[in-house]
C-alpha atoms as a PDB file:
ATOM      1  CA  MET A   1       0.000   0.000   0.000  1.00  0.00           C
ATOM      2  CA  ALA A   2       2.834   2.400   0.952  1.00  0.00           C
ATOM      3  CA  THR A   3       4.632   1.604  -2.314  1.00  0.00           C
ATOM      4  CA  THR A   4       1.486   2.336  -4.318  1.00  0.00           C
ATOM      5  CA  VAL A   5       1.031   5.705  -2.643  1.00  0.00           C
ATOM      6  CA  ARG A   6       4.685   6.553  -3.237  1.00  0.00           C
ATOM      7  CA  GLU A   7       4.464   5.574  -6.901  1.00  0.00           C
ATOM      8  CA  ARG A   8       1.325   7.678  -7.352  1.00  0.00           C
ATOM      9  CA  THR A   9       3.023  10.633  -5.708  1.00  0.00           C
ATOM     10  CA  HIS A  10       6.037  10.333  -8.018  1.00  0.00           C
ATOM     11  CA  ALA A  11       3.760   9.958 -11.040  1.00  0.00           C
ATOM     12  CA  SER A  12       1.761  13.069 -10.117  1.00  0.00           C
ATOM     13  CA  LEU A  13       4.965  15.054  -9.626  1.00  0.00           C
ATOM     14  CA  ARG A  14       6.245  13.994 -13.034  1.00  0.00           C
ATOM     15  CA  ALA A  15       2.899  14.790 -14.642  1.00  0.00           C
ATOM     16  CA  SER A  16       2.826  18.236 -13.060  1.00  0.00           C
ATOM     17  CA  LYS A  17       6.170  18.990 -14.712  1.00  0.00           C
ATOM     18  CA  GLY A  18       5.196  17.774 -18.134  1.00  0.00           C
ATOM     19  CA  GLY A  19       6.823  14.351 -17.737  1.00  0.00           C
ATOM     20  CA  ILE A  20      10.251  15.820 -17.019  1.00  0.00           C
ATOM     21  CA  GLY A  21      11.581  15.028 -13.552  1.00  0.00           C
ATOM     22  CA  ASN A  22      13.040  17.723 -11.413  1.00  0.00           C
ATOM     23  CA  ARG A  23      16.770  17.858 -12.103  1.00  0.00           C
ATOM     24  CA  GLY A  24      17.544  18.544  -8.465  1.00  0.00           C
ATOM     25  CA  ASP A  25      15.743  15.344  -7.490  1.00  0.00           C
ATOM     26  CA  GLN A  26      17.706  13.411 -10.116  1.00  0.00           C
ATOM     27  CA  VAL A  27      21.028  14.760  -8.830  1.00  0.00           C
ATOM     28  CA  PHE A  28      20.016  13.915  -5.288  1.00  0.00           C
ATOM     29  CA  ARG A  29      19.066  10.394  -6.348  1.00  0.00           C
ATOM     30  CA  TRP A  30      22.430   9.929  -8.089  1.00  0.00           C
ATOM     31  CA  VAL A  31      24.345  11.230  -5.084  1.00  0.00           C
ATOM     32  CA  VAL A  32      22.638   9.018  -2.512  1.00  0.00           C
ATOM     33  CA  THR A  33      22.873   6.029  -4.873  1.00  0.00           C
ATOM     34  CA  ALA A  34      26.605   6.636  -5.235  1.00  0.00           C
ATOM     35  CA  LEU A  35      26.962   6.867  -1.449  1.00  0.00           C
ATOM     36  CA  ALA A  36      25.081   3.593  -0.994  1.00  0.00           C
ATOM     37  CA  VAL A  37      27.185   1.860  -3.642  1.00  0.00           C
ATOM     38  CA  SER A  38      30.366   3.248  -2.054  1.00  0.00           C
ATOM     39  CA  ILE A  39      29.582   1.284   1.118  1.00  0.00           C
ATOM     40  CA  LEU A  40      29.394  -1.948  -0.861  1.00  0.00           C
ATOM     41  CA  ALA A  41      32.571  -0.981  -2.712  1.00  0.00           C
ATOM     42  CA  LEU A  42      34.350  -0.340   0.580  1.00  0.00           C
ATOM     43  CA  VAL A  43      33.357  -3.755   1.929  1.00  0.00           C
ATOM     44  CA  ALA A  44      34.466  -5.386  -1.323  1.00  0.00           C
ATOM     45  CA  LEU A  45      37.800  -3.551  -1.141  1.00  0.00           C
ATOM     46  CA  ILE A  46      38.347  -4.705   2.440  1.00  0.00           C
ATOM     47  CA  VAL A  47      37.643  -8.310   1.485  1.00  0.00           C
ATOM     48  CA  PHE A  48      39.907  -8.039  -1.589  1.00  0.00           C
ATOM     49  CA  LYS A  49      42.847  -6.668   0.405  1.00  0.00           C
ATOM     50  CA  MET A  50      42.423  -9.270   3.137  1.00  0.00           C
ATOM     51  CA  VAL A  51      42.278 -12.093   0.608  1.00  0.00           C
ATOM     52  CA  ASP A  52      45.291 -10.677  -1.221  1.00  0.00           C
ATOM     53  CA  GLY A  53      47.271 -10.313   2.005  1.00  0.00           C
ATOM     54  CA  SER A  54      46.472 -13.836   3.151  1.00  0.00           C
ATOM     55  CA  MET A  55      47.064 -15.632  -0.163  1.00  0.00           C
ATOM     56  CA  LEU A  56      50.433 -17.018   0.975  1.00  0.00           C
ATOM     57  CA  SER A  57      48.840 -18.559   4.057  1.00  0.00           C
ATOM     58  CA  ILE A  58      45.842 -19.832   2.068  1.00  0.00           C
ATOM     59  CA  SER A  59      48.049 -21.469  -0.544  1.00  0.00           C
ATOM     60  CA  THR A  60      50.355 -22.959   2.103  1.00  0.00           C
ATOM     61  CA  PHE A  61      47.816 -24.434   4.529  1.00  0.00           C
ATOM     62  CA  GLY A  62      44.602 -24.578   2.505  1.00  0.00           C
ATOM     63  CA  PRO A  63      41.393 -25.554   4.335  1.00  0.00           C
ATOM     64  CA  GLY A  64      43.518 -27.172   7.036  1.00  0.00           C
ATOM     65  CA  PHE A  65      44.173 -23.716   8.424  1.00  0.00           C
ATOM     66  CA  LEU A  66      40.640 -23.620   9.851  1.00  0.00           C
ATOM     67  CA  SER A  67      40.914 -27.042  11.497  1.00  0.00           C
ATOM     68  CA  GLY A  68      44.530 -26.806  12.589  1.00  0.00           C
ATOM     69  CA  THR A  69      45.179 -26.619  16.314  1.00  0.00           C
ATOM     70  CA  THR A  70      48.893 -25.754  16.273  1.00  0.00           C
ATOM     71  CA  TRP A  71      50.080 -22.161  16.305  1.00  0.00           C
ATOM     72  CA  ASP A  72      53.876 -22.206  16.194  1.00  0.00           C
ATOM     73  CA  PRO A  73      55.587 -19.204  14.590  1.00  0.00           C
ATOM     74  CA  VAL A  74      59.043 -20.714  15.259  1.00  0.00           C
ATOM     75  CA  PHE A  75      58.371 -23.766  13.062  1.00  0.00           C
ATOM     76  CA  ARG A  76      56.079 -21.796  10.727  1.00  0.00           C
ATOM     77  CA  HIS A  77      52.998 -23.894  11.306  1.00  0.00           C
ATOM     78  CA  PHE A  78      49.698 -22.112  11.853  1.00  0.00           C
ATOM     79  CA  GLY A  79      46.142 -23.250  12.622  1.00  0.00           C
ATOM     80  CA  ALA A  80      43.200 -21.015  13.526  1.00  0.00           C
ATOM     81  CA  LEU A  81      40.847 -23.420  15.326  1.00  0.00           C
ATOM     82  CA  PRO A  82      41.879 -22.397  18.886  1.00  0.00           C
ATOM     83  CA  PHE A  83      41.104 -18.764  18.073  1.00  0.00           C
ATOM     84  CA  ILE A  84      37.757 -19.573  16.462  1.00  0.00           C
ATOM     85  CA  PHE A  85      36.891 -21.693  19.493  1.00  0.00           C
ATOM     86  CA  GLY A  86      37.856 -18.975  21.979  1.00  0.00           C
ATOM     87  CA  THR A  87      35.916 -16.319  20.058  1.00  0.00           C
ATOM     88  CA  LEU A  88      32.719 -18.356  19.871  1.00  0.00           C
ATOM     89  CA  VAL A  89      32.855 -19.573  23.490  1.00  0.00           C
ATOM     90  CA  THR A  90      33.434 -16.135  25.017  1.00  0.00           C
ATOM     91  CA  SER A  91      30.840 -14.465  22.773  1.00  0.00           C
ATOM     92  CA  LEU A  92      28.138 -17.058  23.485  1.00  0.00           C
ATOM     93  CA  LEU A  93      28.965 -16.985  27.195  1.00  0.00           C
ATOM     94  CA  ALA A  94      28.596 -13.199  27.118  1.00  0.00           C
ATOM     95  CA  LEU A  95      25.166 -13.517  25.511  1.00  0.00           C
ATOM     96  CA  LEU A  96      24.027 -16.164  27.990  1.00  0.00           C
ATOM     97  CA  ILE A  97      25.047 -14.029  30.970  1.00  0.00           C
ATOM     98  CA  GLY A  98      24.531 -10.498  29.712  1.00  0.00           C
ATOM     99  CA  GLY A  99      21.483 -11.006  27.494  1.00  0.00           C
ATOM    100  CA  PRO A 100      18.904 -11.737  30.234  1.00  0.00           C
ATOM    101  CA  ILE A 101      20.317  -8.989  32.463  1.00  0.00           C
ATOM    102  CA  ALA A 102      20.161  -6.464  29.621  1.00  0.00           C
ATOM    103  CA  LEU A 103      16.643  -7.503  28.661  1.00  0.00           C
ATOM    104  CA  GLY A 104      15.500  -7.161  32.271  1.00  0.00           C
ATOM    105  CA  ALA A 105      17.054  -3.690  32.444  1.00  0.00           C
ATOM    106  CA  GLY A 106      15.337  -2.718  29.198  1.00  0.00           C
ATOM    107  CA  ILE A 107      11.946  -3.925  30.490  1.00  0.00           C
ATOM    108  CA  TYR A 108      12.396  -1.983  33.720  1.00  0.00           C
ATOM    109  CA  LEU A 109      13.388   1.236  31.943  1.00  0.00           C
ATOM    110  CA  ALA A 110      10.546   1.021  29.420  1.00  0.00           C
ATOM    111  CA  GLU A 111       7.702  -0.352  31.544  1.00  0.00           C
ATOM    112  CA  LEU A 112       8.336  -0.240  35.283  1.00  0.00           C
ATOM    113  CA  SER A 113      10.667   2.632  36.105  1.00  0.00           C
ATOM    114  CA  PRO A 114       9.089   5.774  37.636  1.00  0.00           C
ATOM    115  CA  GLY A 115       9.382   8.861  35.503  1.00  0.00           C
ATOM    116  CA  TRP A 116      11.830  10.686  37.787  1.00  0.00           C
ATOM    117  CA  LEU A 117      14.246   7.738  37.676  1.00  0.00           C
ATOM    118  CA  ARG A 118      13.911   6.730  34.008  1.00  0.00           C
ATOM    119  CA  THR A 119      15.941   9.562  32.485  1.00  0.00           C
ATOM    120  CA  PRO A 120      19.011   9.473  34.778  1.00  0.00           C
ATOM    121  CA  LEU A 121      19.064   5.676  34.776  1.00  0.00           C
ATOM    122  CA  SER A 122      18.858   5.569  30.980  1.00  0.00           C
ATOM    123  CA  PHE A 123      21.703   8.078  30.829  1.00  0.00           C
ATOM    124  CA  LEU A 124      23.871   5.889  33.044  1.00  0.00           C
ATOM    125  CA  VAL A 125      23.142   2.818  30.929  1.00  0.00           C
ATOM    126  CA  GLU A 126      24.129   4.663  27.749  1.00  0.00           C
ATOM    127  CA  LEU A 127      27.216   6.033  29.503  1.00  0.00           C
ATOM    128  CA  LEU A 128      28.399   2.477  30.162  1.00  0.00           C
ATOM    129  CA  ALA A 129      28.434   1.867  26.410  1.00  0.00           C
ATOM    130  CA  ALA A 130      30.788   4.827  25.945  1.00  0.00           C
ATOM    131  CA  ILE A 131      33.476   3.591  28.342  1.00  0.00           C
ATOM    132  CA  PRO A 132      36.638   2.577  26.406  1.00  0.00           C
ATOM    133  CA  SER A 133      37.274  -1.142  26.325  1.00  0.00           C
ATOM    134  CA  VAL A 134      40.759  -0.755  27.809  1.00  0.00           C
ATOM    135  CA  VAL A 135      39.152   0.695  30.949  1.00  0.00           C
ATOM    136  CA  TYR A 136      36.956  -2.395  31.211  1.00  0.00           C
ATOM    137  CA  GLY A 137      40.091  -4.476  30.765  1.00  0.00           C
ATOM    138  CA  LEU A 138      41.955  -2.709  33.560  1.00  0.00           C
ATOM    139  CA  TRP A 139      38.955  -3.085  35.851  1.00  0.00           C
ATOM    140  CA  GLY A 140      38.789  -6.742  34.927  1.00  0.00           C
ATOM    141  CA  ILE A 141      42.450  -7.331  35.759  1.00  0.00           C
ATOM    142  CA  PHE A 142      42.468  -5.570  39.125  1.00  0.00           C
ATOM    143  CA  VAL A 143      38.925  -6.308  40.329  1.00  0.00           C
ATOM    144  CA  LEU A 144      37.196  -9.087  38.380  1.00  0.00           C
ATOM    145  CA  ALA A 145      40.090 -11.556  38.022  1.00  0.00           C
ATOM    146  CA  PRO A 146      40.985 -11.589  41.772  1.00  0.00           C
ATOM    147  CA  ILE A 147      37.322 -12.111  42.675  1.00  0.00           C
ATOM    148  CA  LEU A 148      37.070 -14.988  40.204  1.00  0.00           C
ATOM    149  CA  SER A 149      40.259 -16.693  41.387  1.00  0.00           C
ATOM    150  CA  SER A 150      39.540 -16.341  45.117  1.00  0.00           C
ATOM    151  CA  MET A 151      35.757 -16.726  45.323  1.00  0.00           C
ATOM    152  CA  VAL A 152      33.793 -17.555  42.169  1.00  0.00           C
ATOM    153  CA  GLU A 153      35.962 -20.229  40.567  1.00  0.00           C
ATOM    154  CA  PRO A 154      36.596 -22.144  43.832  1.00  0.00           C
ATOM    155  CA  PHE A 155      32.842 -22.133  44.485  1.00  0.00           C
ATOM    156  CA  LEU A 156      32.080 -23.402  40.975  1.00  0.00           C
ATOM    157  CA  ALA A 157      34.805 -26.032  41.221  1.00  0.00           C
ATOM    158  CA  ASN A 158      33.506 -27.289  44.570  1.00  0.00           C
ATOM    159  CA  THR A 159      29.837 -27.385  43.585  1.00  0.00           C
ATOM    160  CA  LEU A 160      29.945 -28.171  39.854  1.00  0.00           C
ATOM    161  CA  GLY A 161      33.406 -29.675  39.566  1.00  0.00           C
ATOM    162  CA  PHE A 162      31.987 -32.933  38.246  1.00  0.00           C
ATOM    163  CA  LEU A 163      31.338 -31.095  34.965  1.00  0.00           C
ATOM    164  CA  PRO A 164      34.262 -30.595  32.552  1.00  0.00           C
ATOM    165  CA  LEU A 165      33.299 -26.923  32.269  1.00  0.00           C
ATOM    166  CA  PHE A 166      34.417 -26.251  35.840  1.00  0.00           C
ATOM    167  CA  GLN A 167      37.576 -28.301  36.177  1.00  0.00           C
ATOM    168  CA  GLY A 168      41.239 -27.396  36.091  1.00  0.00           C
ATOM    169  CA  PRO A 169      43.571 -24.809  37.665  1.00  0.00           C
ATOM    170  CA  LEU A 170      41.998 -21.603  38.980  1.00  0.00           C
ATOM    171  CA  TYR A 171      43.901 -18.803  37.267  1.00  0.00           C
ATOM    172  CA  GLY A 172      41.325 -16.035  37.504  1.00  0.00           C
ATOM    173  CA  VAL A 173      41.966 -15.240  33.847  1.00  0.00           C
ATOM    174  CA  GLY A 174      40.572 -17.429  31.095  1.00  0.00           C
ATOM    175  CA  MET A 175      37.441 -17.952  29.041  1.00  0.00           C
ATOM    176  CA  LEU A 176      35.148 -17.355  32.023  1.00  0.00           C
ATOM    177  CA  ALA A 177      36.773 -13.998  32.757  1.00  0.00           C
ATOM    178  CA  GLY A 178      36.713 -13.058  29.080  1.00  0.00           C
ATOM    179  CA  GLY A 179      33.051 -14.015  28.771  1.00  0.00           C
ATOM    180  CA  LEU A 180      32.114 -12.063  31.900  1.00  0.00           C
ATOM    181  CA  ILE A 181      33.857  -8.871  30.803  1.00  0.00           C
ATOM    182  CA  LEU A 182      32.173  -9.165  27.390  1.00  0.00           C
ATOM    183  CA  ALA A 183      28.819  -9.704  29.116  1.00  0.00           C
ATOM    184  CA  ILE A 184      29.310  -6.480  31.061  1.00  0.00           C
ATOM    185  CA  MET A 185      30.266  -4.632  27.880  1.00  0.00           C
ATOM    186  CA  ILE A 186      27.266  -5.750  25.820  1.00  0.00           C
ATOM    187  CA  ILE A 187      24.664  -5.085  28.544  1.00  0.00           C
ATOM    188  CA  PRO A 188      24.315  -1.327  27.848  1.00  0.00           C
ATOM    189  CA  THR A 189      23.967  -1.866  24.090  1.00  0.00           C
ATOM    190  CA  ILE A 190      21.246  -4.508  24.367  1.00  0.00           C
ATOM    191  CA  ALA A 191      19.485  -2.710  27.229  1.00  0.00           C
ATOM    192  CA  ALA A 192      19.375   0.667  25.465  1.00  0.00           C
ATOM    193  CA  VAL A 193      18.097  -0.727  22.171  1.00  0.00           C
ATOM    194  CA  SER A 194      15.567  -2.985  23.899  1.00  0.00           C
ATOM    195  CA  ARG A 195      14.287  -0.033  25.913  1.00  0.00           C
ATOM    196  CA  ASP A 196      13.797   2.051  22.772  1.00  0.00           C
ATOM    197  CA  VAL A 197      12.051  -0.814  20.986  1.00  0.00           C
ATOM    198  CA  MET A 198       9.644  -1.485  23.855  1.00  0.00           C
ATOM    199  CA  SER A 199       8.977   2.230  24.324  1.00  0.00           C
ATOM    200  CA  ALA A 200       7.872   2.350  20.684  1.00  0.00           C
ATOM    201  CA  VAL A 201       5.142  -0.257  21.253  1.00  0.00           C
ATOM    202  CA  PRO A 202       1.774   1.530  20.812  1.00  0.00           C
ATOM    203  CA  ASN A 203      -0.095   2.194  24.039  1.00  0.00           C
ATOM    204  CA  SER A 204      -3.171   0.672  22.445  1.00  0.00           C
ATOM    205  CA  GLN A 205      -1.515  -2.743  22.845  1.00  0.00           C
ATOM    206  CA  ARG A 206      -1.168  -2.208  26.584  1.00  0.00           C
ATOM    207  CA  GLU A 207      -4.591  -0.639  27.027  1.00  0.00           C
ATOM    208  CA  ALA A 208      -6.314  -3.490  25.205  1.00  0.00           C
ATOM    209  CA  LEU A 209      -4.893  -6.085  27.569  1.00  0.00           C
ATOM    210  CA  LEU A 210      -5.525  -3.921  30.629  1.00  0.00           C
ATOM    211  CA  ALA A 211      -9.147  -3.580  29.517  1.00  0.00           C
ATOM    212  CA  LEU A 212      -9.385  -7.370  29.536  1.00  0.00           C
ATOM    213  CA  GLY A 213      -8.205  -7.442  33.136  1.00  0.00           C
ATOM    214  CA  GLY A 214      -4.556  -8.238  32.539  1.00  0.00           C
ATOM    215  CA  THR A 215      -1.923  -7.523  35.184  1.00  0.00           C
ATOM    216  CA  GLN A 216       1.211  -5.490  34.506  1.00  0.00           C
ATOM    217  CA  TRP A 217       3.241  -8.678  34.110  1.00  0.00           C
ATOM    218  CA  GLU A 218       0.687 -10.037  31.628  1.00  0.00           C
ATOM    219  CA  VAL A 219       0.781  -6.781  29.683  1.00  0.00           C
ATOM    220  CA  ILE A 220       4.571  -7.049  29.369  1.00  0.00           C
ATOM    221  CA  LYS A 221       4.484 -10.756  28.583  1.00  0.00           C
ATOM    222  CA  LEU A 222       1.539 -10.869  26.181  1.00  0.00           C
ATOM    223  CA  ALA A 223       1.465  -7.398  24.618  1.00  0.00           C
ATOM    224  CA  VAL A 224       4.846  -5.681  24.786  1.00  0.00           C
ATOM    225  CA  LEU A 225       7.370  -8.489  24.298  1.00  0.00           C
ATOM    226  CA  PRO A 226       5.617 -10.206  21.350  1.00  0.00           C
ATOM    227  CA  TYR A 227       5.193  -6.874  19.580  1.00  0.00           C
ATOM    228  CA  ALA A 228       8.831  -5.879  20.137  1.00  0.00           C
ATOM    229  CA  ARG A 229      10.500  -9.284  19.710  1.00  0.00           C
ATOM    230  CA  SER A 230      12.082  -8.589  16.323  1.00  0.00           C
ATOM    231  CA  GLY A 231      13.623  -5.382  17.643  1.00  0.00           C
ATOM    232  CA  ILE A 232      14.842  -7.152  20.782  1.00  0.00           C
ATOM    233  CA  LEU A 233      16.460  -9.813  18.618  1.00  0.00           C
ATOM    234  CA  GLY A 234      18.100  -7.023  16.648  1.00  0.00           C
ATOM    235  CA  ALA A 235      19.487  -5.648  19.921  1.00  0.00           C
ATOM    236  CA  VAL A 236      20.948  -9.069  20.694  1.00  0.00           C
ATOM    237  CA  ILE A 237      22.570  -9.051  17.251  1.00  0.00           C
ATOM    238  CA  LEU A 238      24.245  -5.741  18.041  1.00  0.00           C
ATOM    239  CA  GLY A 239      25.504  -7.150  21.328  1.00  0.00           C
ATOM    240  CA  LEU A 240      26.826 -10.256  19.589  1.00  0.00           C
ATOM    241  CA  GLY A 241      28.605  -8.097  17.035  1.00  0.00           C
ATOM    242  CA  ARG A 242      30.406  -6.185  19.763  1.00  0.00           C
ATOM    243  CA  ALA A 243      31.332  -9.385  21.593  1.00  0.00           C
ATOM    244  CA  LEU A 244      32.785 -10.970  18.452  1.00  0.00           C
ATOM    245  CA  GLY A 245      34.912  -7.985  17.541  1.00  0.00           C
ATOM    246  CA  GLU A 246      36.010  -6.828  20.991  1.00  0.00           C
ATOM    247  CA  THR A 247      39.780  -6.759  21.315  1.00  0.00           C
ATOM    248  CA  MET A 248      41.474  -4.990  24.218  1.00  0.00           C
ATOM    249  CA  ALA A 249      39.333  -5.988  27.194  1.00  0.00           C
ATOM    250  CA  VAL A 250      39.154  -9.658  26.277  1.00  0.00           C
ATOM    251  CA  THR A 251      42.880  -9.685  25.392  1.00  0.00           C
ATOM    252  CA  MET A 252      43.702  -8.531  28.913  1.00  0.00           C
ATOM    253  CA  LEU A 253      41.564 -11.215  30.583  1.00  0.00           C
ATOM    254  CA  ILE A 254      41.406 -14.343  28.452  1.00  0.00           C
ATOM    255  CA  GLY A 255      44.934 -15.544  29.176  1.00  0.00           C
ATOM    256  CA  ASN A 256      46.163 -15.561  25.557  1.00  0.00           C
ATOM    257  CA  ARG A 257      47.068 -19.227  25.137  1.00  0.00           C
ATOM    258  CA  PRO A 258      46.198 -20.941  21.818  1.00  0.00           C
ATOM    259  CA  GLU A 259      44.591 -24.119  23.049  1.00  0.00           C
ATOM    260  CA  ILE A 260      41.185 -25.781  23.086  1.00  0.00           C
ATOM    261  CA  SER A 261      39.889 -26.794  26.488  1.00  0.00           C
ATOM    262  CA  ALA A 262      36.517 -27.914  27.793  1.00  0.00           C
ATOM    263  CA  SER A 263      37.068 -25.938  31.003  1.00  0.00           C
ATOM    264  CA  LEU A 264      35.907 -22.328  31.254  1.00  0.00           C
ATOM    265  CA  PHE A 265      38.748 -21.734  33.715  1.00  0.00           C
ATOM    266  CA  ALA A 266      41.393 -22.406  31.068  1.00  0.00           C
ATOM    267  CA  PRO A 267      43.188 -19.588  29.222  1.00  0.00           C
ATOM    268  CA  SER A 268      42.353 -19.206  25.565  1.00  0.00           C
ATOM    269  CA  TYR A 269      42.668 -16.794  22.658  1.00  0.00           C
ATOM    270  CA  THR A 270      40.253 -14.971  20.374  1.00  0.00           C
ATOM    271  CA  MET A 271      40.742 -14.048  16.738  1.00  0.00           C
ATOM    272  CA  ALA A 272      40.789 -10.344  17.531  1.00  0.00           C
ATOM    273  CA  SER A 273      43.204 -10.678  20.442  1.00  0.00           C
ATOM    274  CA  VAL A 274      45.783 -12.772  18.573  1.00  0.00           C
ATOM    275  CA  ILE A 275      45.884 -10.175  15.796  1.00  0.00           C
ATOM    276  CA  ALA A 276      46.349  -7.369  18.330  1.00  0.00           C
ATOM    277  CA  ASN A 277      49.005  -9.261  20.288  1.00  0.00           C
ATOM    278  CA  GLU A 278      51.121 -10.692  17.486  1.00  0.00           C
ATOM    279  CA  PHE A 279      50.758  -8.358  14.509  1.00  0.00           C
ATOM    280  CA  THR A 280      53.901  -6.409  15.428  1.00  0.00           C
ATOM    281  CA  GLU A 281      55.797  -9.687  15.922  1.00  0.00           C
ATOM    282  CA  ALA A 282      55.035 -10.995  12.417  1.00  0.00           C
ATOM    283  CA  THR A 283      58.572 -10.764  11.026  1.00  0.00           C
ATOM    284  CA  TYR A 284      58.063 -12.874   7.883  1.00  0.00           C
ATOM    285  CA  ASP A 285      55.431 -13.014   5.166  1.00  0.00           C
ATOM    286  CA  LEU A 286      53.838 -16.357   6.105  1.00  0.00           C
ATOM    287  CA  TYR A 287      53.332 -15.227   9.698  1.00  0.00           C
ATOM    288  CA  LEU A 288      51.764 -11.960   8.557  1.00  0.00           C
ATOM    289  CA  GLY A 289      49.602 -13.794   6.017  1.00  0.00           C
ATOM    290  CA  ALA A 290      48.332 -16.171   8.713  1.00  0.00           C
ATOM    291  CA  LEU A 291      47.278 -13.247  10.906  1.00  0.00           C
ATOM    292  CA  ILE A 292      45.522 -11.568   7.984  1.00  0.00           C
ATOM    293  CA  GLU A 293      43.757 -14.840   7.200  1.00  0.00           C
ATOM    294  CA  ILE A 294      42.540 -14.958  10.801  1.00  0.00           C
ATOM    295  CA  GLY A 295      41.129 -11.485  10.244  1.00  0.00           C
ATOM    296  CA  LEU A 296      39.423 -12.791   7.116  1.00  0.00           C
ATOM    297  CA  VAL A 297      37.992 -15.717   9.106  1.00  0.00           C
ATOM    298  CA  LEU A 298      36.749 -13.285  11.780  1.00  0.00           C
ATOM    299  CA  PHE A 299      35.069 -11.253   9.049  1.00  0.00           C
ATOM    300  CA  GLY A 300      33.468 -14.412   7.664  1.00  0.00           C
ATOM    301  CA  VAL A 301      32.283 -15.675  11.064  1.00  0.00           C
ATOM    302  CA  THR A 302      30.792 -12.275  11.859  1.00  0.00           C
ATOM    303  CA  LEU A 303      29.092 -12.126   8.480  1.00  0.00           C
ATOM    304  CA  ILE A 304      27.615 -15.625   8.815  1.00  0.00           C
ATOM    305  CA  LEU A 305      26.357 -15.108  12.365  1.00  0.00           C
ATOM    306  CA  ASN A 306      24.805 -11.771  11.479  1.00  0.00           C
ATOM    307  CA  ALA A 307      23.183 -13.272   8.380  1.00  0.00           C
ATOM    308  CA  VAL A 308      21.694 -16.062  10.486  1.00  0.00           C
ATOM    309  CA  ALA A 309      20.510 -13.537  13.061  1.00  0.00           C
ATOM    310  CA  ARG A 310      18.961 -11.357  10.353  1.00  0.00           C
ATOM    311  CA  LEU A 311      17.167 -14.421   9.025  1.00  0.00           C
ATOM    312  CA  LEU A 312      15.806 -15.042  12.509  1.00  0.00           C
ATOM    313  CA  VAL A 313      14.620 -11.448  12.695  1.00  0.00           C
ATOM    314  CA  TRP A 314      12.889 -11.850   9.341  1.00  0.00           C
ATOM    315  CA  ARG A 315      11.228 -15.096  10.427  1.00  0.00           C
ATOM    316  CA  VAL A 316      10.056 -13.529  13.682  1.00  0.00           C
ATOM    317  CA  ALA A 317       8.821 -10.325  12.049  1.00  0.00           C
ATOM    318  CA  TYR A 318       7.184 -11.805   8.964  1.00  0.00           C
ATOM    319  CA  GLY A 319       6.550 -15.423   9.886  1.00  0.00           C
ATOM    320  CA  PRO A 320       3.173 -16.983  10.613  1.00  0.00           C
ATOM    321  CA  THR A 321       2.981 -15.300  14.014  1.00  0.00           C
ATOM    322  CA  GLY A 322       4.865 -12.172  13.040  1.00  0.00           C
ATOM    323  CA  GLY A 323       3.472  -8.697  12.815  1.00  0.00           C
END
């Protein structure tokens, strides 16, 4: 319907000018089209340069680079699987911990918070998103890691030590610490976007359920959340994107050891952190090419996960039960 109205409007404008479009509109259309195409060209250029820079590594290791578990610059043998593993584990752990907290904060800010508290609390949440990641990393080293090593990890080992996830030495730094610092970092992003999405839900949705005798919890559960679910999922996507690409904070807390372990206490590595740590140490072409190929893999993983998440958003928004 909106497209039909727009087409009719354009047709009437062209008819009013004798079939000749306004030249200013044409120039504007060309300019914005060029700007849109430039974004695609920039992405294509990034991919081209990354592929070109990693060709030596690709030709040397082939597909085995993705499944290789050895990272040994001395003997010139490189495999990216430990970094892919560390990236996915810490990012998913961040979503599992930070996602529910952020969603709860968004619900409170949009639906439950009194008016005098909503504005300053929203400001503080958005301020958390502006804190540099290195500050989070320093806080994690001096505050979070000692708490984990002295209190949290011993408790988990004593109570859930029968699970492989909570076995091994208690370093304080490792995948658990990296996942927790990422969870803290993605909370403001998900909470702020979720709040805005739920605030945009029409009041008629709430009033209809209240008129039927629904409680405040039922209004949130049955009216607000279903209406805003695609936007909330989009907020989770943004949080996942930050978790996947975060570098400094997770580098300072994950332990930086290229290995695959079932224990969350074990040190690990992420794709972003290995690039940041070792790029200046890449003294020969194969080493540099391997790091660039890891960057290419990170780009690919991010692209795939975001494509899957966008598909989920589409299914939620336009599926059988979508709006």
